[in-house]
Protein backbone atom coordinates (compact mmCIF):
# COMPACT_ATOMS: atom_id res chain seq x y z
CA UNK A 1 -3.93 67.75 89.45
CA UNK A 2 -3.97 70.70 91.51
CA UNK A 3 -1.58 71.02 94.56
CA UNK A 4 -4.03 70.54 97.85
CA UNK A 5 -5.64 67.14 95.50
CA UNK A 6 -2.29 65.43 95.34
CA UNK A 7 -1.75 66.24 99.23
CA UNK A 8 -5.27 65.03 99.44
CA UNK A 9 -4.19 61.87 98.49
CA UNK A 10 -0.95 61.68 99.75
CA UNK A 11 -2.93 61.78 103.14
CA UNK A 12 -5.38 59.88 102.63
CA UNK A 13 -3.69 56.86 100.71
CA UNK A 14 -0.51 57.17 103.27
CA UNK A 15 1.80 54.85 101.72
CA UNK A 16 4.77 56.93 99.36
CA UNK A 17 6.08 53.74 97.34
CA UNK A 18 10.33 54.54 96.78
CA UNK A 19 11.61 53.41 93.83
CA UNK A 20 15.14 53.10 92.91
CA UNK A 21 15.70 50.89 90.28
CA UNK A 22 19.10 49.53 88.22
CA UNK A 23 17.34 50.32 84.49
CA UNK A 24 14.12 51.90 82.95
CA UNK A 25 12.39 48.09 82.95
CA UNK A 26 13.34 47.21 86.86
CA UNK A 27 11.74 50.41 88.08
CA UNK A 28 8.92 50.33 85.34
CA UNK A 29 7.93 46.08 86.66
CA UNK A 30 8.69 47.75 90.48
CA UNK A 31 6.15 50.22 90.12
CA UNK A 32 3.45 48.17 87.61
CA UNK A 33 3.56 45.34 90.98
CA UNK A 34 3.21 48.13 93.52
CA UNK A 35 0.27 49.70 91.86
CA UNK A 36 -1.40 46.20 91.43
CA UNK A 37 -0.97 46.09 94.96
CA UNK A 38 -2.84 48.51 95.51
CA UNK A 39 0.37 51.05 96.31
CA UNK A 40 -1.15 54.39 95.03
CA UNK A 41 1.63 57.04 95.70
CA UNK A 42 4.86 56.79 93.29
CA UNK A 43 8.33 58.25 94.27
CA UNK A 44 10.39 57.35 91.40
CA UNK A 45 14.32 58.25 92.25
CA UNK A 46 16.27 60.18 89.66
CA UNK A 47 18.82 57.77 90.51
CA UNK A 48 17.14 55.10 88.09
CA UNK A 49 18.79 55.68 84.80
CA UNK A 50 16.87 57.35 81.95
CA UNK A 51 14.15 58.46 84.08
CA UNK A 52 12.75 59.84 81.91
CA UNK A 53 11.81 56.72 80.36
CA UNK A 54 9.70 55.21 82.92
CA UNK A 55 7.81 58.29 83.21
CA UNK A 56 6.64 58.00 79.76
CA UNK A 57 6.43 54.25 80.72
CA UNK A 58 4.06 54.85 84.19
CA UNK A 59 2.44 57.21 82.99
CA UNK A 60 -1.07 55.40 82.65
CA UNK A 61 -0.94 54.18 85.47
CA UNK A 62 -3.90 54.48 88.18
CA UNK A 63 -1.64 56.44 90.90
CA UNK A 64 0.39 59.35 91.49
CA UNK A 65 3.75 59.42 90.58
CA UNK A 66 6.50 61.56 91.80
CA UNK A 67 10.00 62.15 91.76
CA UNK A 68 12.40 61.95 94.80
CA UNK A 69 16.03 62.60 95.48
CA UNK A 70 16.08 65.98 93.78
CA UNK A 71 18.14 67.85 94.11
CA UNK A 72 18.75 71.04 92.29
CA UNK A 73 15.33 73.47 90.60
CA UNK A 74 16.89 72.22 87.32
CA UNK A 75 16.06 68.45 88.40
CA UNK A 76 13.11 69.61 89.74
CA UNK A 77 11.27 71.30 86.63
CA UNK A 78 12.45 68.24 84.17
CA UNK A 79 10.33 66.32 86.51
CA UNK A 80 7.73 67.92 86.52
CA UNK A 81 7.62 68.03 82.72
CA UNK A 82 7.85 64.62 82.83
CA UNK A 83 4.59 64.43 84.70
CA UNK A 84 5.59 64.66 88.56
CA UNK A 85 2.77 65.54 91.23
CA UNK A 86 5.44 66.11 94.05
CA UNK A 87 8.86 66.41 93.99
CA UNK A 88 10.54 64.75 97.11
CA UNK A 89 14.35 65.47 98.26
CA UNK A 90 16.93 64.25 100.90
CA UNK A 91 17.51 67.52 102.13
CA UNK A 92 15.53 70.92 102.26
CA UNK A 93 16.54 73.17 99.50
CA UNK A 94 15.43 76.75 98.47
CA UNK A 95 15.53 76.83 95.16
CA UNK A 96 13.56 73.83 94.26
CA UNK A 97 10.25 75.30 96.65
CA UNK A 98 10.59 78.64 95.04
CA UNK A 99 10.25 76.50 91.37
CA UNK A 100 7.48 74.16 92.92
CA UNK A 101 5.81 77.08 94.24
CA UNK A 102 5.64 78.91 91.40
CA UNK A 103 4.37 76.03 89.62
CA UNK A 104 1.98 75.05 92.52
CA UNK A 105 3.30 71.41 92.98
CA UNK A 106 4.13 69.80 96.89
CA UNK A 107 8.14 69.66 98.20
CA UNK A 108 8.16 67.09 100.76
CA UNK A 109 12.38 68.36 101.38
CA UNK A 110 14.01 66.21 104.10
CA UNK A 111 14.86 67.77 107.43
CA UNK A 112 16.05 65.87 110.44
CA UNK A 113 15.59 69.38 113.35
CA UNK A 114 13.06 71.35 114.07
CA UNK A 115 15.15 74.78 112.53
CA UNK A 116 15.37 73.06 109.43
CA UNK A 117 11.36 71.53 109.93
CA UNK A 118 10.53 75.32 110.15
CA UNK A 119 12.72 77.36 107.46
CA UNK A 120 11.10 74.72 105.12
CA UNK A 121 7.38 75.53 106.30
CA UNK A 122 8.10 79.49 106.20
CA UNK A 123 9.39 78.97 102.09
CA UNK A 124 5.55 77.13 101.59
CA UNK A 125 6.22 73.26 102.32
CA UNK A 126 3.40 71.04 103.09
CA UNK A 127 4.87 68.41 104.35
CA UNK A 128 8.48 67.56 105.63
CA UNK A 129 9.85 64.36 104.82
CA UNK A 130 11.57 63.41 107.88
CA UNK A 131 14.51 61.38 106.31
CA UNK A 132 16.35 59.20 107.56
CA UNK A 133 13.74 58.04 109.79
CA UNK A 134 15.95 54.85 111.01
CA UNK A 135 17.51 57.65 113.46
CA UNK A 136 14.67 59.03 114.87
CA UNK A 137 11.97 56.79 117.05
CA UNK A 138 7.71 57.64 116.21
CA UNK A 139 8.08 59.85 119.50
CA UNK A 140 9.91 62.33 117.48
CA UNK A 141 6.47 63.13 115.67
CA UNK A 142 4.96 63.56 118.90
CA UNK A 143 7.79 65.89 119.90
CA UNK A 144 7.56 68.22 117.34
CA UNK A 145 4.11 68.09 117.29
CA UNK A 146 3.73 69.26 120.51
CA UNK A 147 5.24 72.92 120.18
CA UNK A 148 4.22 72.81 116.18
CA UNK A 149 0.69 70.63 115.78
CA UNK A 150 0.53 72.06 112.70
CA UNK A 151 3.73 70.79 111.67
CA UNK A 152 3.16 67.40 109.02
CA UNK A 153 5.31 64.56 108.82
CA UNK A 154 6.02 61.68 106.24
CA UNK A 155 8.88 59.38 107.60
CA UNK A 156 10.87 57.83 104.86
CA UNK A 157 14.09 55.72 105.92
CA UNK A 158 14.32 51.98 108.11
CA UNK A 159 10.13 52.23 107.83
CA UNK A 160 8.41 48.63 107.19
CA UNK A 161 5.38 46.60 107.69
CA UNK A 162 6.49 46.16 110.91
CA UNK A 163 6.72 49.16 112.05
CA UNK A 164 5.09 51.51 109.44
CA UNK A 165 1.58 51.71 112.00
CA UNK A 166 3.78 52.80 115.12
CA UNK A 167 4.93 55.82 112.58
CA UNK A 168 0.85 56.56 111.74
CA UNK A 169 -0.41 56.21 115.00
CA UNK A 170 2.81 58.58 116.88
CA UNK A 171 1.17 61.54 114.12
CA UNK A 172 3.23 60.84 110.38
CA UNK A 173 0.46 61.77 107.41
CA UNK A 174 2.12 59.17 105.16
CA UNK A 175 5.11 57.16 105.13
CA UNK A 176 7.52 56.55 102.70
CA UNK A 177 8.37 52.65 101.98
CA UNK A 178 10.62 50.48 99.44
CA UNK A 179 13.62 48.84 99.96
CA UNK A 180 11.12 45.85 100.62
CA UNK A 181 9.89 46.27 97.31
CA UNK A 182 13.14 46.30 95.43
CA UNK A 183 14.24 43.30 98.20
CA UNK A 184 11.37 41.41 96.46
CA UNK A 185 11.75 41.98 92.99
CA UNK A 186 15.38 40.72 93.91
CA UNK A 187 13.80 37.78 94.77
CA UNK A 188 10.43 37.08 92.79
CA UNK A 189 10.29 39.56 90.62
CA UNK A 190 6.59 41.51 89.62
CA UNK A 191 4.41 38.74 91.65
CA UNK A 192 6.47 39.14 94.74
CA UNK A 193 6.46 43.15 94.45
CA UNK A 194 2.50 42.64 93.75
CA UNK A 195 2.23 40.46 97.28
CA UNK A 196 4.94 42.93 99.08
CA UNK A 197 2.03 45.94 98.46
CA UNK A 198 -0.63 43.78 99.08
CA UNK A 199 0.79 43.28 103.06
CA UNK A 200 1.85 47.31 103.54
CA UNK A 201 -1.60 48.20 101.84
CA UNK A 202 -3.44 44.96 104.34
CA UNK A 203 -1.51 47.56 107.99
CA UNK A 204 -3.61 50.33 107.27
């Protein structure tokens, strides 16, 4: 899948499930539940133990799989080798941007200020992750898009089924969600994740 195809998928399906599993089995089941519930974009974080094994377990799912909590270029390359189609980090890292550009993989860095956003844009980032989004309101996107109408933002952190649509209406090209899915799994296992994912998809 080429870079522009991945970006198209992000904009089309809009919901990125950020999965932080405590084990290979837990992460795999949550991801399977999310996909069964209709979510087509998965961000598997590198805080998950034996994350490469999770990549192997989920590679055949009908979803675009990316890697999250990527803190350096070495981890980004490992994720790409494991099959990640996009790379996400909590802050901007120039070395990750350079490596992702080299291999034609979208890089979504976490940014909070206009200076950080412009730095990421100049490094070739097509979509900026607003993180943590719970420190902002959806009006932040409208404000940024005033002087920078071409900036495409994906808020992550504090996004839920009740406020997701407000962010999208404000101009977000996609949203990152996840804590609700983990909570659902803790309470009701895979079936609860499926139901929670269906709720999110039903809000689009």
